Amino acid sequence: MKFRPLHDRVVIRRAESDTKSKGGIIIPDNAKEKPQEGEVIAVGPGARDESGALIALDVKAGDLILFGKWSGTEVKIDGEDLLIMKEADIMGIIERTITAKKAA
């Protein structure tokens, strides 16, 4: 199924959380804190201003973003857990450096 969000909504895949603490302790699933960053999967066309002109979104598919802890609505699309939120809930885009790209 293809899913296209409406207006200024964005579909996000949450980043994977660490299964071990820095000290090496394995963290069970129910005790893990959900990461506040993720990858943009799909974006809507944008919001409209008072005159009806379309205002394009600043984020695009593939961007790595940071969002608020309680932002978005959790949904399941094609068996995958995703988030849908408005662009206003996104705090910023995380720039990937060349060294970070090589390490990934």
PDB file of N, CA and C in Angstrom:
ATOM      1  N   MET A   1       0.848  -1.172   0.000  1.00  0.00           N
ATOM      2  CA  MET A   1       0.000   0.000   0.000  1.00  0.00           C
ATOM      3  C   MET A   1       0.900   1.243   0.000  1.00  0.00           C
ATOM      4  N   LYS A   2       0.548   2.196  -0.816  1.00  0.00           N
ATOM      5  CA  LYS A   2       1.232   3.485  -0.805  1.00  0.00           C
ATOM      6  C   LYS A   2       0.415   4.434   0.048  1.00  0.00           C
ATOM      7  N   PHE A   3       1.105   5.266   0.832  1.00  0.00           N
ATOM      8  CA  PHE A   3       0.426   6.204   1.707  1.00  0.00           C
ATOM      9  C   PHE A   3       1.006   7.585   1.476  1.00  0.00           C
ATOM     10  N   ARG A   4       0.141   8.551   1.205  1.00  0.00           N
ATOM     11  CA  ARG A   4       0.564   9.933   1.007  1.00  0.00           C
ATOM     12  C   ARG A   4      -0.154  10.792   2.036  1.00  0.00           C
ATOM     13  N   PRO A   5       0.605  11.423   2.948  1.00  0.00           N
ATOM     14  CA  PRO A   5      -0.046  12.265   3.950  1.00  0.00           C
ATOM     15  C   PRO A   5      -0.641  13.521   3.324  1.00  0.00           C
ATOM     16  N   LEU A   6      -1.655  14.062   3.982  1.00  0.00           N
ATOM     17  CA  LEU A   6      -2.315  15.265   3.495  1.00  0.00           C
ATOM     18  C   LEU A   6      -1.746  16.516   4.153  1.00  0.00           C
ATOM     19  N   HIS A   7      -1.900  17.621   3.488  1.00  0.00           N
ATOM     20  CA  HIS A   7      -1.545  18.959   3.979  1.00  0.00           C
ATOM     21  C   HIS A   7      -0.094  19.013   4.476  1.00  0.00           C
ATOM     22  N   ASP A   8       0.114  19.451   5.726  1.00  0.00           N
ATOM     23  CA  ASP A   8       1.484  19.611   6.230  1.00  0.00           C
ATOM     24  C   ASP A   8       1.880  18.471   7.164  1.00  0.00           C
ATOM     25  N   ARG A   9       1.347  17.282   6.899  1.00  0.00           N
ATOM     26  CA  ARG A   9       1.698  16.120   7.714  1.00  0.00           C
ATOM     27  C   ARG A   9       2.889  15.384   7.108  1.00  0.00           C
ATOM     28  N   VAL A  10       3.620  14.691   7.988  1.00  0.00           N
ATOM     29  CA  VAL A  10       4.845  13.995   7.616  1.00  0.00           C
ATOM     30  C   VAL A  10       4.803  12.591   8.207  1.00  0.00           C
ATOM     31  N   VAL A  11       5.240  11.578   7.451  1.00  0.00           N
ATOM     32  CA  VAL A  11       5.336  10.204   7.940  1.00  0.00           C
ATOM     33  C   VAL A  11       6.795   9.944   8.293  1.00  0.00           C
ATOM     34  N   ILE A  12       7.018   9.417   9.509  1.00  0.00           N
ATOM     35  CA  ILE A  12       8.375   9.247  10.019  1.00  0.00           C
ATOM     36  C   ILE A  12       8.589   7.823  10.501  1.00  0.00           C
ATOM     37  N   ARG A  13       9.771   7.273  10.188  1.00  0.00           N
ATOM     38  CA  ARG A  13      10.207   5.988  10.734  1.00  0.00           C
ATOM     39  C   ARG A  13      11.157   6.315  11.878  1.00  0.00           C
ATOM     40  N   ARG A  14      10.780   5.917  13.084  1.00  0.00           N
ATOM     41  CA  ARG A  14      11.588   6.197  14.264  1.00  0.00           C
ATOM     42  C   ARG A  14      12.947   5.490  14.159  1.00  0.00           C
ATOM     43  N   ALA A  15      14.016   6.136  14.623  1.00  0.00           N
ATOM     44  CA  ALA A  15      15.345   5.534  14.637  1.00  0.00           C
ATOM     45  C   ALA A  15      15.350   4.366  15.617  1.00  0.00           C
ATOM     46  N   GLU A  16      16.206   3.398  15.387  1.00  0.00           N
ATOM     47  CA  GLU A  16      16.309   2.246  16.273  1.00  0.00           C
ATOM     48  C   GLU A  16      16.914   2.671  17.607  1.00  0.00           C
ATOM     49  N   SER A  17      16.365   2.170  18.699  1.00  0.00           N
ATOM     50  CA  SER A  17      16.915   2.491  20.012  1.00  0.00           C
ATOM     51  C   SER A  17      17.983   1.465  20.381  1.00  0.00           C
ATOM     52  N   ASP A  18      18.875   1.862  21.262  1.00  0.00           N
ATOM     53  CA  ASP A  18      19.949   0.976  21.699  1.00  0.00           C
ATOM     54  C   ASP A  18      19.382  -0.126  22.589  1.00  0.00           C
ATOM     55  N   THR A  19      19.907  -1.349  22.417  1.00  0.00           N
ATOM     56  CA  THR A  19      19.458  -2.452  23.257  1.00  0.00           C
ATOM     57  C   THR A  19      20.350  -2.611  24.484  1.00  0.00           C
ATOM     58  N   LYS A  20      21.501  -1.930  24.499  1.00  0.00           N
ATOM     59  CA  LYS A  20      22.403  -1.987  25.646  1.00  0.00           C
ATOM     60  C   LYS A  20      22.683  -0.578  26.145  1.00  0.00           C
ATOM     61  N   SER A  21      22.878  -0.476  27.442  1.00  0.00           N
ATOM     62  CA  SER A  21      23.273   0.816  28.013  1.00  0.00           C
ATOM     63  C   SER A  21      24.758   1.023  27.756  1.00  0.00           C
ATOM     64  N   LYS A  22      25.270   2.210  28.070  1.00  0.00           N
ATOM     65  CA  LYS A  22      26.692   2.487  27.877  1.00  0.00           C
ATOM     66  C   LYS A  22      27.557   1.571  28.724  1.00  0.00           C
ATOM     67  N   GLY A  23      27.012   1.116  29.841  1.00  0.00           N
ATOM     68  CA  GLY A  23      27.740   0.205  30.728  1.00  0.00           C
ATOM     69  C   GLY A  23      27.651  -1.251  30.308  1.00  0.00           C
ATOM     70  N   GLY A  24      26.893  -1.567  29.259  1.00  0.00           N
ATOM     71  CA  GLY A  24      26.790  -2.926  28.745  1.00  0.00           C
ATOM     72  C   GLY A  24      25.588  -3.706  29.239  1.00  0.00           C
ATOM     73  N   ILE A  25      24.717  -3.060  30.007  1.00  0.00           N
ATOM     74  CA  ILE A  25      23.525  -3.739  30.517  1.00  0.00           C
ATOM     75  C   ILE A  25      22.479  -3.801  29.406  1.00  0.00           C
ATOM     76  N   ILE A  26      21.892  -4.969  29.193  1.00  0.00           N
ATOM     77  CA  ILE A  26      20.852  -5.134  28.172  1.00  0.00           C
ATOM     78  C   ILE A  26      19.548  -4.563  28.710  1.00  0.00           C
ATOM     79  N   ILE A  27      18.934  -3.692  27.915  1.00  0.00           N
ATOM     80  CA  ILE A  27      17.705  -3.011  28.323  1.00  0.00           C
ATOM     81  C   ILE A  27      16.508  -3.750  27.722  1.00  0.00           C
ATOM     82  N   PRO A  28      15.540  -4.184  28.555  1.00  0.00           N
ATOM     83  CA  PRO A  28      14.359  -4.857  27.996  1.00  0.00           C
ATOM     84  C   PRO A  28      13.489  -3.880  27.212  1.00  0.00           C
ATOM     85  N   ASP A  29      12.685  -4.417  26.288  1.00  0.00           N
ATOM     86  CA  ASP A  29      11.849  -3.586  25.408  1.00  0.00           C
ATOM     87  C   ASP A  29      10.939  -2.629  26.173  1.00  0.00           C
ATOM     88  N   ASN A  30      10.339  -3.094  27.271  1.00  0.00           N
ATOM     89  CA  ASN A  30       9.386  -2.252  27.983  1.00  0.00           C
ATOM     90  C   ASN A  30      10.062  -1.137  28.787  1.00  0.00           C
ATOM     91  N   ALA A  31      11.371  -1.200  28.980  1.00  0.00           N
ATOM     92  CA  ALA A  31      12.090  -0.161  29.724  1.00  0.00           C
ATOM     93  C   ALA A  31      12.821   0.818  28.806  1.00  0.00           C
ATOM     94  N   LYS A  32      12.833   0.524  27.512  1.00  0.00           N
ATOM     95  CA  LYS A  32      13.537   1.397  26.565  1.00  0.00           C
ATOM     96  C   LYS A  32      12.804   2.715  26.398  1.00  0.00           C
ATOM     97  N   GLU A  33      13.580   3.774  26.286  1.00  0.00           N
ATOM     98  CA  GLU A  33      12.990   5.069  25.963  1.00  0.00           C
ATOM     99  C   GLU A  33      12.992   5.190  24.443  1.00  0.00           C
ATOM    100  N   LYS A  34      11.875   5.604  23.884  1.00  0.00           N
ATOM    101  CA  LYS A  34      11.777   5.721  22.431  1.00  0.00           C
ATOM    102  C   LYS A  34      12.638   6.875  21.948  1.00  0.00           C
ATOM    103  N   PRO A  35      13.388   6.662  20.879  1.00  0.00           N
ATOM    104  CA  PRO A  35      14.232   7.740  20.356  1.00  0.00           C
ATOM    105  C   PRO A  35      13.391   8.895  19.821  1.00  0.00           C
ATOM    106  N   GLN A  36      13.956  10.095  19.883  1.00  0.00           N
ATOM    107  CA  GLN A  36      13.265  11.289  19.416  1.00  0.00           C
ATOM    108  C   GLN A  36      13.802  11.740  18.067  1.00  0.00           C
ATOM    109  N   GLU A  37      14.378  10.825  17.349  1.00  0.00           N
ATOM    110  CA  GLU A  37      14.803  11.151  15.996  1.00  0.00           C
ATOM    111  C   GLU A  37      14.348  10.058  15.062  1.00  0.00           C
ATOM    112  N   GLY A  38      14.256  10.412  13.788  1.00  0.00           N
ATOM    113  CA  GLY A  38      13.785   9.457  12.806  1.00  0.00           C
ATOM    114  C   GLY A  38      14.005   9.953  11.398  1.00  0.00           C
ATOM    115  N   GLU A  39      13.631   9.112  10.452  1.00  0.00           N
ATOM    116  CA  GLU A  39      13.798   9.430   9.030  1.00  0.00           C
ATOM    117  C   GLU A  39      12.436   9.731   8.426  1.00  0.00           C
ATOM    118  N   VAL A  40      12.386  10.784   7.640  1.00  0.00           N
ATOM    119  CA  VAL A  40      11.153  11.157   6.954  1.00  0.00           C
ATOM    120  C   VAL A  40      10.926  10.174   5.814  1.00  0.00           C
ATOM    121  N   ILE A  41       9.757   9.562   5.797  1.00  0.00           N
ATOM    122  CA  ILE A  41       9.398   8.586   4.765  1.00  0.00           C
ATOM    123  C   ILE A  41       8.582   9.237   3.658  1.00  0.00           C
ATOM    124  N   ALA A  42       7.604  10.073   4.048  1.00  0.00           N
ATOM    125  CA  ALA A  42       6.741  10.740   3.066  1.00  0.00           C
ATOM    126  C   ALA A  42       6.276  12.071   3.634  1.00  0.00           C
ATOM    127  N   VAL A  43       6.029  13.019   2.741  1.00  0.00           N
ATOM    128  CA  VAL A  43       5.542  14.344   3.149  1.00  0.00           C
ATOM    129  C   VAL A  43       4.316  14.716   2.325  1.00  0.00           C
ATOM    130  N   GLY A  44       3.449  15.507   2.947  1.00  0.00           N
ATOM    131  CA  GLY A  44       2.282  16.017   2.244  1.00  0.00           C
ATOM    132  C   GLY A  44       2.676  17.175   1.347  1.00  0.00           C
ATOM    133  N   PRO A  45       1.743  17.682   0.563  1.00  0.00           N
ATOM    134  CA  PRO A  45       2.058  18.770  -0.375  1.00  0.00           C
ATOM    135  C   PRO A  45       2.323  20.106   0.308  1.00  0.00           C
ATOM    136  N   GLY A  46       1.823  20.297   1.533  1.00  0.00           N
ATOM    137  CA  GLY A  46       2.031  21.554   2.243  1.00  0.00           C
ATOM    138  C   GLY A  46       0.721  22.144   2.722  1.00  0.00           C
ATOM    139  N   ALA A  47       0.842  23.176   3.525  1.00  0.00           N
ATOM    140  CA  ALA A  47      -0.344  23.856   4.067  1.00  0.00           C
ATOM    141  C   ALA A  47      -0.711  25.020   3.155  1.00  0.00           C
ATOM    142  N   ARG A  48      -1.887  25.552   3.352  1.00  0.00           N
ATOM    143  CA  ARG A  48      -2.325  26.716   2.579  1.00  0.00           C
ATOM    144  C   ARG A  48      -2.415  27.910   3.503  1.00  0.00           C
ATOM    145  N   ASP A  49      -2.002  29.074   3.002  1.00  0.00           N
ATOM    146  CA  ASP A  49      -2.116  30.298   3.796  1.00  0.00           C
ATOM    147  C   ASP A  49      -3.517  30.878   3.633  1.00  0.00           C
ATOM    148  N   GLU A  50      -3.755  32.044   4.219  1.00  0.00           N
ATOM    149  CA  GLU A  50      -5.095  32.641   4.203  1.00  0.00           C
ATOM    150  C   GLU A  50      -5.594  32.977   2.800  1.00  0.00           C
ATOM    151  N   SER A  51      -4.657  33.252   1.881  1.00  0.00           N
ATOM    152  CA  SER A  51      -5.066  33.577   0.518  1.00  0.00           C
ATOM    153  C   SER A  51      -5.223  32.328  -0.353  1.00  0.00           C
ATOM    154  N   GLY A  52      -4.898  31.147   0.210  1.00  0.00           N
ATOM    155  CA  GLY A  52      -5.053  29.901  -0.537  1.00  0.00           C
ATOM    156  C   GLY A  52      -3.787  29.434  -1.235  1.00  0.00           C
ATOM    157  N   ALA A  53      -2.693  30.193  -1.093  1.00  0.00           N
ATOM    158  CA  ALA A  53      -1.432  29.796  -1.720  1.00  0.00           C
ATOM    159  C   ALA A  53      -0.814  28.631  -0.944  1.00  0.00           C
ATOM    160  N   LEU A  54      -0.223  27.689  -1.672  1.00  0.00           N
ATOM    161  CA  LEU A  54       0.394  26.513  -1.070  1.00  0.00           C
ATOM    162  C   LEU A  54       1.764  26.874  -0.499  1.00  0.00           C
ATOM    163  N   ILE A  55       1.984  26.522   0.763  1.00  0.00           N
ATOM    164  CA  ILE A  55       3.279  26.733   1.407  1.00  0.00           C
ATOM    165  C   ILE A  55       3.954  25.371   1.500  1.00  0.00           C
ATOM    166  N   ALA A  56       5.027  25.179   0.745  1.00  0.00           N
ATOM    167  CA  ALA A  56       5.727  23.897   0.701  1.00  0.00           C
ATOM    168  C   ALA A  56       6.412  23.610   2.032  1.00  0.00           C
ATOM    169  N   LEU A  57       6.609  22.324   2.331  1.00  0.00           N
ATOM    170  CA  LEU A  57       7.266  21.921   3.566  1.00  0.00           C
ATOM    171  C   LEU A  57       8.776  22.067   3.445  1.00  0.00           C
ATOM    172  N   ASP A  58       9.448  22.282   4.596  1.00  0.00           N
ATOM    173  CA  ASP A  58      10.905  22.402   4.618  1.00  0.00           C
ATOM    174  C   ASP A  58      11.592  21.041   4.632  1.00  0.00           C
ATOM    175  N   VAL A  59      10.891  19.994   5.052  1.00  0.00           N
ATOM    176  CA  VAL A  59      11.490  18.662   5.102  1.00  0.00           C
ATOM    177  C   VAL A  59      11.113  17.885   3.851  1.00  0.00           C
ATOM    178  N   LYS A  60      11.929  16.888   3.531  1.00  0.00           N
ATOM    179  CA  LYS A  60      11.662  16.035   2.370  1.00  0.00           C
ATOM    180  C   LYS A  60      11.967  14.590   2.749  1.00  0.00           C
ATOM    181  N   ALA A  61      11.501  13.670   1.972  1.00  0.00           N
ATOM    182  CA  ALA A  61      11.741  12.249   2.226  1.00  0.00           C
ATOM    183  C   ALA A  61      13.249  11.999   2.273  1.00  0.00           C
ATOM    184  N   GLY A  62      13.674  11.228   3.277  1.00  0.00           N
ATOM    185  CA  GLY A  62      15.085  10.910   3.444  1.00  0.00           C
ATOM    186  C   GLY A  62      15.790  11.761   4.492  1.00  0.00           C
ATOM    187  N   ASP A  63      15.177  12.876   4.921  1.00  0.00           N
ATOM    188  CA  ASP A  63      15.780  13.734   5.949  1.00  0.00           C
ATOM    189  C   ASP A  63      15.765  13.025   7.293  1.00  0.00           C
ATOM    190  N   LEU A  64      16.845  13.209   8.063  1.00  0.00           N
ATOM    191  CA  LEU A  64      16.918  12.733   9.437  1.00  0.00           C
ATOM    192  C   LEU A  64      16.507  13.896  10.319  1.00  0.00           C
ATOM    193  N   ILE A  65      15.490  13.691  11.158  1.00  0.00           N
ATOM    194  CA  ILE A  65      14.919  14.805  11.914  1.00  0.00           C
ATOM    195  C   ILE A  65      14.895  14.521  13.413  1.00  0.00           C
ATOM    196  N   LEU A  66      14.711  15.590  14.176  1.00  0.00           N
ATOM    197  CA  LEU A  66      14.541  15.525  15.618  1.00  0.00           C
ATOM    198  C   LEU A  66      13.143  16.050  15.929  1.00  0.00           C
ATOM    199  N   PHE A  67      12.393  15.336  16.771  1.00  0.00           N
ATOM    200  CA  PHE A  67      11.031  15.749  17.084  1.00  0.00           C
ATOM    201  C   PHE A  67      10.783  15.633  18.581  1.00  0.00           C
ATOM    202  N   GLY A  68       9.692  16.217  19.039  1.00  0.00           N
ATOM    203  CA  GLY A  68       9.342  16.214  20.453  1.00  0.00           C
ATOM    204  C   GLY A  68       8.995  14.830  20.968  1.00  0.00           C
ATOM    205  N   LYS A  69       9.180  14.638  22.266  1.00  0.00           N
ATOM    206  CA  LYS A  69       8.972  13.346  22.904  1.00  0.00           C
ATOM    207  C   LYS A  69       7.549  12.817  22.713  1.00  0.00           C
ATOM    208  N   TRP A  70       6.558  13.654  22.811  1.00  0.00           N
ATOM    209  CA  TRP A  70       5.167  13.222  22.726  1.00  0.00           C
ATOM    210  C   TRP A  70       4.527  13.604  21.389  1.00  0.00           C
ATOM    211  N   SER A  71       5.336  13.897  20.392  1.00  0.00           N
ATOM    212  CA  SER A  71       4.823  14.344  19.090  1.00  0.00           C
ATOM    213  C   SER A  71       4.304  13.175  18.268  1.00  0.00           C
ATOM    214  N   GLY A  72       3.332  13.464  17.450  1.00  0.00           N
ATOM    215  CA  GLY A  72       2.864  12.517  16.450  1.00  0.00           C
ATOM    216  C   GLY A  72       1.875  11.483  16.942  1.00  0.00           C
ATOM    217  N   THR A  73       1.358  10.763  15.974  1.00  0.00           N
ATOM    218  CA  THR A  73       0.417   9.677  16.204  1.00  0.00           C
ATOM    219  C   THR A  73       1.028   8.402  15.664  1.00  0.00           C
ATOM    220  N   GLU A  74       1.093   7.376  16.501  1.00  0.00           N
ATOM    221  CA  GLU A  74       1.670   6.112  16.064  1.00  0.00           C
ATOM    222  C   GLU A  74       0.653   5.352  15.225  1.00  0.00           C
ATOM    223  N   VAL A  75       1.103   4.878  14.063  1.00  0.00           N
ATOM    224  CA  VAL A  75       0.253   4.109  13.157  1.00  0.00           C
ATOM    225  C   VAL A  75       1.029   2.897  12.652  1.00  0.00           C
ATOM    226  N   LYS A  76       0.323   1.936  12.115  1.00  0.00           N
ATOM    227  CA  LYS A  76       0.957   0.766  11.510  1.00  0.00           C
ATOM    228  C   LYS A  76       0.536   0.728  10.049  1.00  0.00           C
ATOM    229  N   ILE A  77       1.511   0.853   9.154  1.00  0.00           N
ATOM    230  CA  ILE A  77       1.253   0.827   7.716  1.00  0.00           C
ATOM    231  C   ILE A  77       2.085  -0.295   7.120  1.00  0.00           C
ATOM    232  N   ASP A  78       1.440  -1.226   6.436  1.00  0.00           N
ATOM    233  CA  ASP A  78       2.103  -2.404   5.861  1.00  0.00           C
ATOM    234  C   ASP A  78       2.921  -3.158   6.907  1.00  0.00           C
ATOM    235  N   GLY A  79       2.410  -3.242   8.142  1.00  0.00           N
ATOM    236  CA  GLY A  79       3.073  -3.982   9.201  1.00  0.00           C
ATOM    237  C   GLY A  79       4.237  -3.255   9.852  1.00  0.00           C
ATOM    238  N   GLU A  80       4.491  -2.030   9.465  1.00  0.00           N
ATOM    239  CA  GLU A  80       5.611  -1.255  10.014  1.00  0.00           C
ATOM    240  C   GLU A  80       5.078  -0.145  10.922  1.00  0.00           C
ATOM    241  N   ASP A  81       5.677  -0.012  12.106  1.00  0.00           N
ATOM    242  CA  ASP A  81       5.279   1.038  13.038  1.00  0.00           C
ATOM    243  C   ASP A  81       5.883   2.367  12.596  1.00  0.00           C
ATOM    244  N   LEU A  82       5.019   3.349  12.331  1.00  0.00           N
ATOM    245  CA  LEU A  82       5.447   4.665  11.860  1.00  0.00           C
ATOM    246  C   LEU A  82       4.769   5.752  12.690  1.00  0.00           C
ATOM    247  N   LEU A  83       5.218   6.981  12.525  1.00  0.00           N
ATOM    248  CA  LEU A  83       4.612   8.137  13.173  1.00  0.00           C
ATOM    249  C   LEU A  83       4.099   9.083  12.104  1.00  0.00           C
ATOM    250  N   ILE A  84       2.959   9.702  12.357  1.00  0.00           N
ATOM    251  CA  ILE A  84       2.457  10.776  11.498  1.00  0.00           C
ATOM    252  C   ILE A  84       2.340  12.009  12.373  1.00  0.00           C
ATOM    253  N   MET A  85       2.961  13.106  11.927  1.00  0.00           N
ATOM    254  CA  MET A  85       2.896  14.351  12.688  1.00  0.00           C
ATOM    255  C   MET A  85       2.880  15.530  11.750  1.00  0.00           C
ATOM    256  N   LYS A  86       2.490  16.674  12.283  1.00  0.00           N
ATOM    257  CA  LYS A  86       2.531  17.912  11.504  1.00  0.00           C
ATOM    258  C   LYS A  86       3.965  18.426  11.470  1.00  0.00           C
ATOM    259  N   GLU A  87       4.292  19.165  10.437  1.00  0.00           N
ATOM    260  CA  GLU A  87       5.648  19.694  10.305  1.00  0.00           C
ATOM    261  C   GLU A  87       6.015  20.588  11.490  1.00  0.00           C
ATOM    262  N   ALA A  88       5.047  21.243  12.094  1.00  0.00           N
ATOM    263  CA  ALA A  88       5.311  22.125  13.230  1.00  0.00           C
ATOM    264  C   ALA A  88       5.853  21.363  14.437  1.00  0.00           C
ATOM    265  N   ASP A  89       5.607  20.044  14.526  1.00  0.00           N
ATOM    266  CA  ASP A  89       6.108  19.236  15.633  1.00  0.00           C
ATOM    267  C   ASP A  89       7.574  18.844  15.454  1.00  0.00           C
ATOM    268  N   ILE A  90       8.113  19.081  14.280  1.00  0.00           N
ATOM    269  CA  ILE A  90       9.512  18.750  14.009  1.00  0.00           C
ATOM    270  C   ILE A  90      10.394  19.898  14.485  1.00  0.00           C
ATOM    271  N   MET A  91      11.405  19.555  15.303  1.00  0.00           N
ATOM    272  CA  MET A  91      12.284  20.581  15.860  1.00  0.00           C
ATOM    273  C   MET A  91      13.412  20.980  14.916  1.00  0.00           C
ATOM    274  N   GLY A  92      13.862  20.055  14.098  1.00  0.00           N
ATOM    275  CA  GLY A  92      14.936  20.396  13.175  1.00  0.00           C
ATOM    276  C   GLY A  92      15.400  19.205  12.367  1.00  0.00           C
ATOM    277  N   ILE A  93      16.233  19.495  11.383  1.00  0.00           N
ATOM    278  CA  ILE A  93      16.818  18.483  10.510  1.00  0.00           C
ATOM    279  C   ILE A  93      18.245  18.242  10.976  1.00  0.00           C
ATOM    280  N   ILE A  94      18.619  16.979  11.135  1.00  0.00           N
ATOM    281  CA  ILE A  94      19.969  16.620  11.544  1.00  0.00           C
ATOM    282  C   ILE A  94      20.802  16.449  10.289  1.00  0.00           C
ATOM    283  N   GLU A  95      21.834  17.272  10.172  1.00  0.00           N
ATOM    284  CA  GLU A  95      22.721  17.187   9.011  1.00  0.00           C
ATOM    285  C   GLU A  95      23.669  16.010   9.186  1.00  0.00           C
ATOM    286  N   ARG A  96      23.786  15.217   8.180  1.00  0.00           N
ATOM    287  CA  ARG A  96      24.707  14.078   8.214  1.00  0.00           C
ATOM    288  C   ARG A  96      26.056  14.540   7.677  1.00  0.00           C
ATOM    289  N   THR A  97      27.105  14.335   8.461  1.00  0.00           N
ATOM    290  CA  THR A  97      28.444  14.722   8.017  1.00  0.00           C
ATOM    291  C   THR A  97      29.053  13.593   7.207  1.00  0.00           C
ATOM    292  N   ILE A  98      30.128  13.886   6.521  1.00  0.00           N
ATOM    293  CA  ILE A  98      30.780  12.882   5.675  1.00  0.00           C
ATOM    294  C   ILE A  98      31.289  11.721   6.516  1.00  0.00           C
ATOM    295  N   THR A  99      31.880  12.004   7.699  1.00  0.00           N
ATOM    296  CA  THR A  99      32.389  10.933   8.551  1.00  0.00           C
ATOM    297  C   THR A  99      31.261  10.081   9.107  1.00  0.00           C
ATOM    298  N   ALA A 100      30.109  10.679   9.402  1.00  0.00           N
ATOM    299  CA  ALA A 100      28.965   9.919   9.900  1.00  0.00           C
ATOM    300  C   ALA A 100      28.413   9.011   8.808  1.00  0.00           C
ATOM    301  N   LYS A 101      28.433   9.476   7.557  1.00  0.00           N
ATOM    302  CA  LYS A 101      27.943   8.659   6.439  1.00  0.00           C
ATOM    303  C   LYS A 101      28.851   7.438   6.239  1.00  0.00           C
ATOM    304  N   LYS A 102      30.176   7.624   6.382  1.00  0.00           N
ATOM    305  CA  LYS A 102      31.107   6.514   6.211  1.00  0.00           C
ATOM    306  C   LYS A 102      30.944   5.474   7.307  1.00  0.00           C
ATOM    307  N   ALA A 103      30.656   5.916   8.535  1.00  0.00           N
ATOM    308  CA  ALA A 103      30.504   4.999   9.661  1.00  0.00           C
ATOM    309  C   ALA A 103      29.224   4.193   9.558  1.00  0.00           C
ATOM    310  N   ALA A 104      28.210   4.729   8.906  1.00  0.00           N
ATOM    311  CA  ALA A 104      26.905   4.044   8.808  1.00  0.00           C
ATOM    312  C   ALA A 104      26.876   2.966   7.788  1.00  0.00           C
TER     313      ALA A 104
END
